[in-house]
Amino acid sequence: MRRRQVLGALGAVGTAPLAHLPLAPAFAEAARDEHLTIADVEIEELVGSRQTEGIARQWQVQPLHVYPEHALGPYPEDPRVPREIHEHRALYVKIRTDAGAFGLYGAIDPEAAIVVLRQLKGFLIGKDPLAIETLWDKLYRLNRHSRAGHYMMALSAVDNALWDLAGRHFGVPVFRLLGGPTRSSAEAYASCLGDPVEAESVAKRCVELKGQGFSHQKWFFAHGPGDGTGGLLANVELVKTLRQSLGDDYEIMFDAFNGWDLGYASRWAKLAEPYRPLWIEEPFPSEKLDSFVELRHGTSIPVATGEHFYGRWEVNRFLRRDALDVVQADPEWCGGVSELVKICALASANDVHVVPHGHNIHAALHVVLSQSPMTCPLVEYLVHFKPEKAHFEKQPHVPVDGHIALPTRPGFGIELDESKIERRGPFRA
């Protein structure tokens, strides 16, 4: 199998000594007292206020934009957008045990929350919360529609909450339960969804992010086949602007969010190749496997996809066809930590990388830190959306010099900031 290694372009992996994190004293005691049962599964809705950034967020190309009546037209960049206070809501899943221990994960999507409450909760009550692999397998077998979509998103939410519960129970971060850390920090790339794509704004913003310590940036296209040749050339101009602004030794990636077709992607790739993008992400929907195969074998630009993969089986189909260079499975959609670890094993056996997608970062970060940097070299940090997603959390993960430090708190370390919560209550599915 022909494989192009993205890691070679990523640079040397940090060799700083790993943080000294001894197992908590409670670990041995907890290991002797594992007779827990799940007493309740809750979805809590948090409501508060959040100030907007004061920028007019650029949209990204979407499949529906091929219809003129759904295309959004020229992007009106406006530097005078006011900073306003808006109501902000978030959903967290909490799994409680009969002994008082609990696991917490979020923020999760409402579609997943509905399935958790209506289909998974009743099955989970009374089960052993530390039997995570067994519970995953049983939940997957529980429903004929478990292969994808909202059911798999719900299974992911439960799985991640169970990993958090186990970490809290044993007094260690989740990456410890996955085999321990492989590095002292995770390198994060700046994911620039929402940033304007006009040349002047791009040139200024990308240098700003470079100055913050990010060595990789991913930008999102605003144009697709419905915008004709002019849109295609604008997409190439974005690549050119970034390369000229950041220099030849900086890594740039691009996301088309399923909005292109094979002909359009091939034309773009031919024009963009001289600027050496690190990858082109999701040029097509995941069901168009043949298009991924043809594009990957028709360009030197690495091909990435997978945030809409649901489980190892879908990943395996792409690997068997030699269809991609980077797997971007999202642990909040693909089956949780349990499934992402299996996907990493598949990827490692096929010499491709896993760079998890994620509006959240908790599960992805702990899995990345537990895997070889040859398999998981980076973690995604959405510079505009991650702070929004973690609004109600006390100590959200924030990159410093482009890296996120090894977590130290048990489980995923999620602690809610009561000062930001104005109302809370059970989510009504």
Foldseek 3Di string as FASTA:
>chain_A
DDADFLVVLVDDDDDPDADDFDFDPCQVVLVVPQPKAWAFKFKKKFKFKDKAPQFQFAAFFEQVCLDVVPAPPDDDGDNRRDTDIDMAMFIKMKTAIPVGQIFIDDRADPLLVVCCVPPPTVVRGGHRLQPLVVSLVCQCVVDPPSQFDSNLLNLLRSSLRSLLSVQVSSFFESLVVLPDFPDFWAFAAEEARRQDQDLVSLLVVLVVVVVQQHQEYEYGQRDEVSVPPVSLVSVLVSLVSNCVSPDLSGAYEYENHQHYFLVSLLVSQVSNVVSAHSEYENNHPLVPLVSLLVSCVRHPHFYEYACRAAALVSVVVNLVSVRGQEHAHASSGRRHLVRVLVNLVVCVVSQHAYAYDDLECQRVRSSLRNDHCSHHRHYYDHPNRNCSGLVQWDDGFDDGSRITGDDGGGYSPTDGDPVRGPDMDTDDD
